[in-house]
Full PDB file with SEQRES, HELIX, SHEET, SSBOND, CRYST1, ORIGX, SCALE, CONECT and MASTER records, all heavy atoms in Angstrom:
SEQRES   1 A   34  ASP LYS TYR HIS ALA ALA GLY PHE GLU ILE LEU GLY ILE          
SEQRES   2 A   34  SER LEU ASP ASP ASN LYS ASP ARG LEU LEU ALA PHE VAL          
SEQRES   3 A   34  LYS GLU ASN HIS ILE THR TRP PRO                              
HELIX    1 AA1 HIS A    4  ALA A    6  5                                   3    
HELIX    2 AA2 LYS A   19  GLU A   28  1                                  10    
CRYST1    1.000    1.000    1.000  90.00  90.00  90.00 P 1           1          
ORIGX1      1.000000  0.000000  0.000000        0.00000                         
ORIGX2      0.000000  1.000000  0.000000        0.00000                         
ORIGX3      0.000000  0.000000  1.000000        0.00000                         
SCALE1      1.000000  0.000000  0.000000        0.00000                         
SCALE2      0.000000  1.000000  0.000000        0.00000                         
SCALE3      0.000000  0.000000  1.000000        0.00000                         
ATOM      1  N   ASP A   1     -10.426  -0.015   4.212  1.00  0.00           N  
ATOM      2  CA  ASP A   1     -11.004   1.102   4.964  1.00  0.00           C  
ATOM      3  C   ASP A   1     -12.206   0.661   5.803  1.00  0.00           C  
ATOM      4  O   ASP A   1     -12.418   1.158   6.913  1.00  0.00           O  
ATOM      5  CB  ASP A   1     -11.433   2.218   4.005  1.00  0.00           C  
ATOM      6  CG  ASP A   1     -10.247   2.901   3.340  1.00  0.00           C  
ATOM      7  OD1 ASP A   1      -9.129   2.771   3.857  1.00  0.00           O  
ATOM      8  OD2 ASP A   1     -10.444   3.546   2.281  1.00  0.00           O  
ATOM      9  N   LYS A   2     -12.971  -0.293   5.280  1.00  0.00           N  
ATOM     10  CA  LYS A   2     -14.175  -0.735   5.976  1.00  0.00           C  
ATOM     11  C   LYS A   2     -13.868  -1.635   7.167  1.00  0.00           C  
ATOM     12  O   LYS A   2     -14.546  -1.556   8.207  1.00  0.00           O  
ATOM     13  CB  LYS A   2     -15.096  -1.460   4.998  1.00  0.00           C  
ATOM     14  CG  LYS A   2     -16.434  -1.895   5.601  1.00  0.00           C  
ATOM     15  CD  LYS A   2     -17.338  -2.477   4.526  1.00  0.00           C  
ATOM     16  CE  LYS A   2     -18.691  -2.906   5.126  1.00  0.00           C  
ATOM     17  NZ  LYS A   2     -19.606  -3.445   4.070  1.00  0.00           N  
ATOM     18  N   TYR A   3     -12.827  -2.474   7.046  1.00  0.00           N  
ATOM     19  CA  TYR A   3     -12.601  -3.503   8.064  1.00  0.00           C  
ATOM     20  C   TYR A   3     -11.308  -3.326   8.866  1.00  0.00           C  
ATOM     21  O   TYR A   3     -11.037  -4.114   9.778  1.00  0.00           O  
ATOM     22  CB  TYR A   3     -12.586  -4.887   7.405  1.00  0.00           C  
ATOM     23  CG  TYR A   3     -13.938  -5.307   6.887  1.00  0.00           C  
ATOM     24  CD1 TYR A   3     -14.256  -5.158   5.539  1.00  0.00           C  
ATOM     25  CD2 TYR A   3     -14.901  -5.852   7.732  1.00  0.00           C  
ATOM     26  CE1 TYR A   3     -15.497  -5.541   5.048  1.00  0.00           C  
ATOM     27  CE2 TYR A   3     -16.147  -6.237   7.257  1.00  0.00           C  
ATOM     28  CZ  TYR A   3     -16.440  -6.075   5.914  1.00  0.00           C  
ATOM     29  OH  TYR A   3     -17.676  -6.454   5.440  1.00  0.00           O  
ATOM     30  N   HIS A   4     -10.520  -2.312   8.544  1.00  0.00           N  
ATOM     31  CA  HIS A   4      -9.244  -2.148   9.250  1.00  0.00           C  
ATOM     32  C   HIS A   4      -9.446  -1.978  10.760  1.00  0.00           C  
ATOM     33  O   HIS A   4      -8.743  -2.602  11.565  1.00  0.00           O  
ATOM     34  CB  HIS A   4      -8.480  -0.947   8.689  1.00  0.00           C  
ATOM     35  CG  HIS A   4      -7.192  -0.670   9.394  1.00  0.00           C  
ATOM     36  ND1 HIS A   4      -6.161  -1.591   9.477  1.00  0.00           N  
ATOM     37  CD2 HIS A   4      -6.747   0.436  10.063  1.00  0.00           C  
ATOM     38  CE1 HIS A   4      -5.156  -1.087  10.149  1.00  0.00           C  
ATOM     39  NE2 HIS A   4      -5.480   0.143  10.532  1.00  0.00           N  
ATOM     40  N   ALA A   5     -10.405  -1.170  11.133  1.00  0.00           N  
ATOM     41  CA  ALA A   5     -10.654  -0.940  12.560  1.00  0.00           C  
ATOM     42  C   ALA A   5     -11.115  -2.195  13.279  1.00  0.00           C  
ATOM     43  O   ALA A   5     -10.935  -2.330  14.499  1.00  0.00           O  
ATOM     44  CB  ALA A   5     -11.693   0.178  12.729  1.00  0.00           C  
ATOM     45  N   ALA A   6     -11.667  -3.146  12.508  1.00  0.00           N  
ATOM     46  CA  ALA A   6     -12.149  -4.396  13.099  1.00  0.00           C  
ATOM     47  C   ALA A   6     -11.053  -5.458  13.178  1.00  0.00           C  
ATOM     48  O   ALA A   6     -11.295  -6.562  13.676  1.00  0.00           O  
ATOM     49  CB  ALA A   6     -13.338  -4.923  12.293  1.00  0.00           C  
ATOM     50  N   GLY A   7      -9.847  -5.123  12.665  1.00  0.00           N  
ATOM     51  CA  GLY A   7      -8.742  -6.075  12.760  1.00  0.00           C  
ATOM     52  C   GLY A   7      -8.258  -6.637  11.436  1.00  0.00           C  
ATOM     53  O   GLY A   7      -7.654  -7.716  11.409  1.00  0.00           O  
ATOM     54  N   PHE A   8      -8.471  -5.910  10.348  1.00  0.00           N  
ATOM     55  CA  PHE A   8      -8.015  -6.366   9.036  1.00  0.00           C  
ATOM     56  C   PHE A   8      -6.754  -5.596   8.639  1.00  0.00           C  
ATOM     57  O   PHE A   8      -6.737  -4.363   8.665  1.00  0.00           O  
ATOM     58  CB  PHE A   8      -9.104  -6.159   7.994  1.00  0.00           C  
ATOM     59  CG  PHE A   8      -8.707  -6.529   6.582  1.00  0.00           C  
ATOM     60  CD1 PHE A   8      -8.164  -7.774   6.293  1.00  0.00           C  
ATOM     61  CD2 PHE A   8      -8.872  -5.625   5.538  1.00  0.00           C  
ATOM     62  CE1 PHE A   8      -7.793  -8.124   4.993  1.00  0.00           C  
ATOM     63  CE2 PHE A   8      -8.520  -5.960   4.235  1.00  0.00           C  
ATOM     64  CZ  PHE A   8      -7.980  -7.213   3.969  1.00  0.00           C  
ATOM     65  N   GLU A   9      -5.714  -6.339   8.274  1.00  0.00           N  
ATOM     66  CA  GLU A   9      -4.451  -5.738   7.847  1.00  0.00           C  
ATOM     67  C   GLU A   9      -4.087  -6.229   6.448  1.00  0.00           C  
ATOM     68  O   GLU A   9      -4.527  -7.300   6.022  1.00  0.00           O  
ATOM     69  CB  GLU A   9      -3.316  -6.101   8.815  1.00  0.00           C  
ATOM     70  CG  GLU A   9      -3.536  -5.664  10.247  1.00  0.00           C  
ATOM     71  CD  GLU A   9      -3.348  -4.164  10.425  1.00  0.00           C  
ATOM     72  OE1 GLU A   9      -2.888  -3.495   9.473  1.00  0.00           O  
ATOM     73  OE2 GLU A   9      -3.657  -3.662  11.525  1.00  0.00           O  
ATOM     74  N   ILE A  10      -3.277  -5.454   5.754  1.00  0.00           N  
ATOM     75  CA  ILE A  10      -2.761  -5.853   4.444  1.00  0.00           C  
ATOM     76  C   ILE A  10      -1.250  -5.701   4.448  1.00  0.00           C  
ATOM     77  O   ILE A  10      -0.714  -4.706   4.958  1.00  0.00           O  
ATOM     78  CB  ILE A  10      -3.365  -5.005   3.304  1.00  0.00           C  
ATOM     79  CG1 ILE A  10      -4.883  -5.147   3.253  1.00  0.00           C  
ATOM     80  CG2 ILE A  10      -2.753  -5.418   1.956  1.00  0.00           C  
ATOM     81  CD1 ILE A  10      -5.546  -4.300   2.175  1.00  0.00           C  
ATOM     82  N   LEU A  11      -0.559  -6.670   3.879  1.00  0.00           N  
ATOM     83  CA  LEU A  11       0.882  -6.600   3.653  1.00  0.00           C  
ATOM     84  C   LEU A  11       1.107  -6.684   2.147  1.00  0.00           C  
ATOM     85  O   LEU A  11       0.767  -7.687   1.516  1.00  0.00           O  
ATOM     86  CB  LEU A  11       1.605  -7.741   4.364  1.00  0.00           C  
ATOM     87  CG  LEU A  11       1.395  -7.843   5.888  1.00  0.00           C  
ATOM     88  CD1 LEU A  11       2.161  -9.039   6.439  1.00  0.00           C  
ATOM     89  CD2 LEU A  11       1.813  -6.557   6.585  1.00  0.00           C  
ATOM     90  N   GLY A  12       1.658  -5.630   1.573  1.00  0.00           N  
ATOM     91  CA  GLY A  12       1.897  -5.611   0.136  1.00  0.00           C  
ATOM     92  C   GLY A  12       3.254  -6.188  -0.217  1.00  0.00           C  
ATOM     93  O   GLY A  12       4.262  -5.847   0.404  1.00  0.00           O  
ATOM     94  N   ILE A  13       3.282  -7.077  -1.199  1.00  0.00           N  
ATOM     95  CA  ILE A  13       4.539  -7.618  -1.730  1.00  0.00           C  
ATOM     96  C   ILE A  13       4.624  -7.134  -3.174  1.00  0.00           C  
ATOM     97  O   ILE A  13       3.988  -7.685  -4.074  1.00  0.00           O  
ATOM     98  CB  ILE A  13       4.578  -9.153  -1.666  1.00  0.00           C  
ATOM     99  CG1 ILE A  13       4.225  -9.657  -0.257  1.00  0.00           C  
ATOM    100  CG2 ILE A  13       5.952  -9.656  -2.114  1.00  0.00           C  
ATOM    101  CD1 ILE A  13       5.165  -9.205   0.824  1.00  0.00           C  
ATOM    102  N   SER A  14       5.402  -6.075  -3.390  1.00  0.00           N  
ATOM    103  CA  SER A  14       5.458  -5.441  -4.700  1.00  0.00           C  
ATOM    104  C   SER A  14       6.507  -6.092  -5.593  1.00  0.00           C  
ATOM    105  O   SER A  14       7.680  -6.195  -5.220  1.00  0.00           O  
ATOM    106  CB  SER A  14       5.769  -3.955  -4.552  1.00  0.00           C  
ATOM    107  OG  SER A  14       6.076  -3.386  -5.808  1.00  0.00           O  
ATOM    108  N   LEU A  15       6.087  -6.493  -6.785  1.00  0.00           N  
ATOM    109  CA  LEU A  15       7.001  -7.053  -7.770  1.00  0.00           C  
ATOM    110  C   LEU A  15       7.517  -5.970  -8.712  1.00  0.00           C  
ATOM    111  O   LEU A  15       7.993  -6.255  -9.811  1.00  0.00           O  
ATOM    112  CB  LEU A  15       6.326  -8.168  -8.565  1.00  0.00           C  
ATOM    113  CG  LEU A  15       6.353  -9.563  -7.918  1.00  0.00           C  
ATOM    114  CD1 LEU A  15       5.502  -9.597  -6.663  1.00  0.00           C  
ATOM    115  CD2 LEU A  15       5.872 -10.628  -8.897  1.00  0.00           C  
ATOM    116  N   ASP A  16       7.428  -4.734  -8.280  1.00  0.00           N  
ATOM    117  CA  ASP A  16       7.955  -3.633  -9.088  1.00  0.00           C  
ATOM    118  C   ASP A  16       9.473  -3.701  -9.177  1.00  0.00           C  
ATOM    119  O   ASP A  16      10.141  -4.276  -8.311  1.00  0.00           O  
ATOM    120  CB  ASP A  16       7.554  -2.291  -8.463  1.00  0.00           C  
ATOM    121  CG  ASP A  16       6.141  -1.892  -8.829  1.00  0.00           C  
ATOM    122  OD1 ASP A  16       5.946  -1.419  -9.954  1.00  0.00           O  
ATOM    123  OD2 ASP A  16       5.231  -2.061  -7.993  1.00  0.00           O  
ATOM    124  N   ASP A  17      10.008  -3.069 -10.222  1.00  0.00           N  
ATOM    125  CA  ASP A  17      11.452  -2.955 -10.333  1.00  0.00           C  
ATOM    126  C   ASP A  17      11.886  -1.489 -10.329  1.00  0.00           C  
ATOM    127  O   ASP A  17      13.061  -1.184 -10.517  1.00  0.00           O  
ATOM    128  CB  ASP A  17      11.979  -3.652 -11.592  1.00  0.00           C  
ATOM    129  CG  ASP A  17      11.281  -3.171 -12.864  1.00  0.00           C  
ATOM    130  OD1 ASP A  17      10.502  -2.194 -12.792  1.00  0.00           O  
ATOM    131  OD2 ASP A  17      11.509  -3.780 -13.927  1.00  0.00           O  
ATOM    132  N   ASN A  18      10.924  -0.578 -10.111  1.00  0.00           N  
ATOM    133  CA  ASN A  18      11.213   0.842 -10.076  1.00  0.00           C  
ATOM    134  C   ASN A  18      10.685   1.414  -8.754  1.00  0.00           C  
ATOM    135  O   ASN A  18       9.471   1.545  -8.568  1.00  0.00           O  
ATOM    136  CB  ASN A  18      10.564   1.545 -11.274  1.00  0.00           C  
ATOM    137  CG  ASN A  18      10.942   3.014 -11.369  1.00  0.00           C  
ATOM    138  OD1 ASN A  18      10.823   3.760 -10.414  1.00  0.00           O  
ATOM    139  ND2 ASN A  18      11.386   3.430 -12.547  1.00  0.00           N  
ATOM    140  N   LYS A  19      11.595   1.731  -7.849  1.00  0.00           N  
ATOM    141  CA  LYS A  19      11.206   2.178  -6.514  1.00  0.00           C  
ATOM    142  C   LYS A  19      10.451   3.493  -6.555  1.00  0.00           C  
ATOM    143  O   LYS A  19       9.438   3.668  -5.860  1.00  0.00           O  
ATOM    144  CB  LYS A  19      12.450   2.312  -5.641  1.00  0.00           C  
ATOM    145  CG  LYS A  19      12.163   2.693  -4.199  1.00  0.00           C  
ATOM    146  CD  LYS A  19      13.454   2.735  -3.399  1.00  0.00           C  
ATOM    147  CE  LYS A  19      13.203   3.079  -1.936  1.00  0.00           C  
ATOM    148  NZ  LYS A  19      14.480   3.096  -1.160  1.00  0.00           N  
ATOM    149  N   ASP A  20      10.904   4.428  -7.375  1.00  0.00           N  
ATOM    150  CA  ASP A  20      10.258   5.733  -7.448  1.00  0.00           C  
ATOM    151  C   ASP A  20       8.824   5.610  -7.943  1.00  0.00           C  
ATOM    152  O   ASP A  20       7.921   6.301  -7.447  1.00  0.00           O  
ATOM    153  CB  ASP A  20      11.046   6.675  -8.357  1.00  0.00           C  
ATOM    154  CG  ASP A  20      12.386   7.079  -7.756  1.00  0.00           C  
ATOM    155  OD1 ASP A  20      12.533   6.992  -6.521  1.00  0.00           O  
ATOM    156  OD2 ASP A  20      13.284   7.473  -8.522  1.00  0.00           O  
ATOM    157  N   ARG A  21       8.607   4.738  -8.916  1.00  0.00           N  
ATOM    158  CA  ARG A  21       7.256   4.552  -9.445  1.00  0.00           C  
ATOM    159  C   ARG A  21       6.338   3.969  -8.372  1.00  0.00           C  
ATOM    160  O   ARG A  21       5.189   4.367  -8.220  1.00  0.00           O  
ATOM    161  CB  ARG A  21       7.281   3.647 -10.677  1.00  0.00           C  
ATOM    162  CG  ARG A  21       5.904   3.474 -11.344  1.00  0.00           C  
ATOM    163  CD  ARG A  21       5.991   2.528 -12.524  1.00  0.00           C  
ATOM    164  NE  ARG A  21       6.924   3.030 -13.509  1.00  0.00           N  
ATOM    165  CZ  ARG A  21       7.744   2.275 -14.225  1.00  0.00           C  
ATOM    166  NH1 ARG A  21       7.770   0.958 -14.026  1.00  0.00           N  
ATOM    167  NH2 ARG A  21       8.538   2.808 -15.130  1.00  0.00           N  
ATOM    168  N   LEU A  22       6.852   3.008  -7.613  1.00  0.00           N  
ATOM    169  CA  LEU A  22       6.063   2.411  -6.543  1.00  0.00           C  
ATOM    170  C   LEU A  22       5.716   3.449  -5.479  1.00  0.00           C  
ATOM    171  O   LEU A  22       4.556   3.565  -5.063  1.00  0.00           O  
ATOM    172  CB  LEU A  22       6.832   1.248  -5.912  1.00  0.00           C  
ATOM    173  CG  LEU A  22       6.213   0.651  -4.645  1.00  0.00           C  
ATOM    174  CD1 LEU A  22       4.840   0.055  -4.929  1.00  0.00           C  
ATOM    175  CD2 LEU A  22       7.144  -0.400  -4.037  1.00  0.00           C  
ATOM    176  N   LEU A  23       6.717   4.213  -5.041  1.00  0.00           N  
ATOM    177  CA  LEU A  23       6.487   5.212  -4.009  1.00  0.00           C  
ATOM    178  C   LEU A  23       5.484   6.267  -4.470  1.00  0.00           C  
ATOM    179  O   LEU A  23       4.618   6.705  -3.702  1.00  0.00           O  
ATOM    180  CB  LEU A  23       7.804   5.875  -3.614  1.00  0.00           C  
ATOM    181  CG  LEU A  23       8.791   5.001  -2.828  1.00  0.00           C  
ATOM    182  CD1 LEU A  23      10.117   5.717  -2.652  1.00  0.00           C  
ATOM    183  CD2 LEU A  23       8.208   4.612  -1.478  1.00  0.00           C  
ATOM    184  N   ALA A  24       5.586   6.674  -5.732  1.00  0.00           N  
ATOM    185  CA  ALA A  24       4.659   7.675  -6.265  1.00  0.00           C  
ATOM    186  C   ALA A  24       3.234   7.129  -6.302  1.00  0.00           C  
ATOM    187  O   ALA A  24       2.279   7.833  -5.944  1.00  0.00           O  
ATOM    188  CB  ALA A  24       5.103   8.100  -7.670  1.00  0.00           C  
ATOM    189  N   PHE A  25       3.098   5.864  -6.708  1.00  0.00           N  
ATOM    190  CA  PHE A  25       1.769   5.255  -6.789  1.00  0.00           C  
ATOM    191  C   PHE A  25       1.154   5.125  -5.393  1.00  0.00           C  
ATOM    192  O   PHE A  25      -0.020   5.435  -5.189  1.00  0.00           O  
ATOM    193  CB  PHE A  25       1.864   3.878  -7.445  1.00  0.00           C  
ATOM    194  CG  PHE A  25       0.530   3.211  -7.661  1.00  0.00           C  
ATOM    195  CD1 PHE A  25      -0.152   3.363  -8.856  1.00  0.00           C  
ATOM    196  CD2 PHE A  25      -0.042   2.423  -6.670  1.00  0.00           C  
ATOM    197  CE1 PHE A  25      -1.379   2.755  -9.066  1.00  0.00           C  
ATOM    198  CE2 PHE A  25      -1.272   1.811  -6.861  1.00  0.00           C  
ATOM    199  CZ  PHE A  25      -1.944   1.983  -8.063  1.00  0.00           C  
ATOM    200  N   VAL A  26       1.945   4.672  -4.438  1.00  0.00           N  
ATOM    201  CA  VAL A  26       1.465   4.506  -3.062  1.00  0.00           C  
ATOM    202  C   VAL A  26       1.017   5.840  -2.476  1.00  0.00           C  
ATOM    203  O   VAL A  26      -0.041   5.945  -1.837  1.00  0.00           O  
ATOM    204  CB  VAL A  26       2.564   3.866  -2.190  1.00  0.00           C  
ATOM    205  CG1 VAL A  26       2.225   3.980  -0.713  1.00  0.00           C  
ATOM    206  CG2 VAL A  26       2.759   2.397  -2.571  1.00  0.00           C  
ATOM    207  N   LYS A  27       1.817   6.886  -2.723  1.00  0.00           N  
ATOM    208  CA  LYS A  27       1.478   8.202  -2.205  1.00  0.00           C  
ATOM    209  C   LYS A  27       0.224   8.761  -2.874  1.00  0.00           C  
ATOM    210  O   LYS A  27      -0.693   9.261  -2.200  1.00  0.00           O  
ATOM    211  CB  LYS A  27       2.652   9.160  -2.418  1.00  0.00           C  
ATOM    212  CG  LYS A  27       2.408  10.559  -1.879  1.00  0.00           C  
ATOM    213  CD  LYS A  27       3.636  11.437  -2.102  1.00  0.00           C  
ATOM    214  CE  LYS A  27       3.400  12.856  -1.567  1.00  0.00           C  
ATOM    215  NZ  LYS A  27       4.593  13.720  -1.777  1.00  0.00           N  
ATOM    216  N   GLU A  28       0.177   8.661  -4.197  1.00  0.00           N  
ATOM    217  CA  GLU A  28      -0.945   9.222  -4.951  1.00  0.00           C  
ATOM    218  C   GLU A  28      -2.271   8.552  -4.592  1.00  0.00           C  
ATOM    219  O   GLU A  28      -3.319   9.183  -4.574  1.00  0.00           O  
ATOM    220  CB  GLU A  28      -0.672   9.081  -6.453  1.00  0.00           C  
ATOM    221  CG  GLU A  28      -1.771   9.644  -7.342  1.00  0.00           C  
ATOM    222  CD  GLU A  28      -1.462   9.460  -8.816  1.00  0.00           C  
ATOM    223  OE1 GLU A  28      -0.308   9.112  -9.153  1.00  0.00           O  
ATOM    224  OE2 GLU A  28      -2.374   9.660  -9.632  1.00  0.00           O  
ATOM    225  N   ASN A  29      -2.204   7.242  -4.296  1.00  0.00           N  
ATOM    226  CA  ASN A  29      -3.428   6.492  -4.019  1.00  0.00           C  
ATOM    227  C   ASN A  29      -3.684   6.294  -2.524  1.00  0.00           C  
ATOM    228  O   ASN A  29      -4.568   5.516  -2.155  1.00  0.00           O  
ATOM    229  CB  ASN A  29      -3.362   5.135  -4.733  1.00  0.00           C  
ATOM    230  CG  ASN A  29      -3.459   5.278  -6.237  1.00  0.00           C  
ATOM    231  OD1 ASN A  29      -4.543   5.373  -6.796  1.00  0.00           O  
ATOM    232  ND2 ASN A  29      -2.303   5.290  -6.904  1.00  0.00           N  
ATOM    233  N   HIS A  30      -2.898   6.956  -1.693  1.00  0.00           N  
ATOM    234  CA  HIS A  30      -3.105   6.947  -0.239  1.00  0.00           C  
ATOM    235  C   HIS A  30      -3.128   5.521   0.319  1.00  0.00           C  
ATOM    236  O   HIS A  30      -3.992   5.151   1.121  1.00  0.00           O  
ATOM    237  CB  HIS A  30      -4.409   7.675   0.119  1.00  0.00           C  
ATOM    238  CG  HIS A  30      -4.510   9.046  -0.469  1.00  0.00           C  
ATOM    239  ND1 HIS A  30      -3.757  10.104  -0.020  1.00  0.00           N  
ATOM    240  CD2 HIS A  30      -5.272   9.523  -1.497  1.00  0.00           C  
ATOM    241  CE1 HIS A  30      -4.045  11.191  -0.726  1.00  0.00           C  
ATOM    242  NE2 HIS A  30      -4.958  10.861  -1.631  1.00  0.00           N  
ATOM    243  N   ILE A  31      -2.153   4.732  -0.113  1.00  0.00           N  
ATOM    244  CA  ILE A  31      -2.021   3.357   0.372  1.00  0.00           C  
ATOM    245  C   ILE A  31      -1.136   3.390   1.609  1.00  0.00           C  
ATOM    246  O   ILE A  31       0.043   3.751   1.537  1.00  0.00           O  
ATOM    247  CB  ILE A  31      -1.426   2.449  -0.715  1.00  0.00           C  
ATOM    248  CG1 ILE A  31      -2.367   2.384  -1.911  1.00  0.00           C  
ATOM    249  CG2 ILE A  31      -1.159   1.053  -0.165  1.00  0.00           C  
ATOM    250  CD1 ILE A  31      -1.782   1.690  -3.122  1.00  0.00           C  
ATOM    251  N   THR A  32      -1.689   3.016   2.744  1.00  0.00           N  
ATOM    252  CA  THR A  32      -0.977   3.174   4.016  1.00  0.00           C  
ATOM    253  C   THR A  32      -0.364   1.890   4.552  1.00  0.00           C  
ATOM    254  O   THR A  32       0.456   1.933   5.471  1.00  0.00           O  
ATOM    255  CB  THR A  32      -1.932   3.743   5.079  1.00  0.00           C  
ATOM    256  OG1 THR A  32      -3.050   2.857   5.241  1.00  0.00           O  
ATOM    257  CG2 THR A  32      -2.436   5.115   4.670  1.00  0.00           C  
ATOM    258  N   TRP A  33      -0.756   0.731   4.015  1.00  0.00           N  
ATOM    259  CA  TRP A  33      -0.204  -0.508   4.566  1.00  0.00           C  
ATOM    260  C   TRP A  33       1.224  -0.731   4.056  1.00  0.00           C  
ATOM    261  O   TRP A  33       1.624  -0.222   3.018  1.00  0.00           O  
ATOM    262  CB  TRP A  33      -1.108  -1.694   4.229  1.00  0.00           C  
ATOM    263  CG  TRP A  33      -1.434  -1.894   2.773  1.00  0.00           C  
ATOM    264  CD1 TRP A  33      -0.698  -2.551   1.836  1.00  0.00           C  
ATOM    265  CD2 TRP A  33      -2.625  -1.445   2.101  1.00  0.00           C  
ATOM    266  NE1 TRP A  33      -1.337  -2.550   0.624  1.00  0.00           N  
ATOM    267  CE2 TRP A  33      -2.520  -1.880   0.752  1.00  0.00           C  
ATOM    268  CE3 TRP A  33      -3.759  -0.737   2.486  1.00  0.00           C  
ATOM    269  CZ2 TRP A  33      -3.512  -1.627  -0.203  1.00  0.00           C  
ATOM    270  CZ3 TRP A  33      -4.747  -0.467   1.547  1.00  0.00           C  
ATOM    271  CH2 TRP A  33      -4.614  -0.901   0.217  1.00  0.00           C  
ATOM    272  N   PRO A  34       2.019  -1.506   4.793  1.00  0.00           N  
ATOM    273  CA  PRO A  34       3.439  -1.684   4.442  1.00  0.00           C  
ATOM    274  C   PRO A  34       3.627  -2.435   3.128  1.00  0.00           C  
ATOM    275  O   PRO A  34       2.834  -3.302   2.759  1.00  0.00           O  
ATOM    276  CB  PRO A  34       4.005  -2.479   5.619  1.00  0.00           C  
ATOM    277  CG  PRO A  34       2.820  -3.126   6.260  1.00  0.00           C  
ATOM    278  CD  PRO A  34       1.662  -2.210   6.034  1.00  0.00           C  
TER     279      PRO A  34                                                      
MASTER        0    0    0    2    0    0    0    6  278    1    0    3          
END                                                                             
């Protein structure tokens, strides 16, 4: 949040095996990066 506007990006590589759990966590925690 602090550095994104300055050119900082994140790419998440999830080792999850449950898609629904990952999607719920991302939504609940407002994670916007891919």
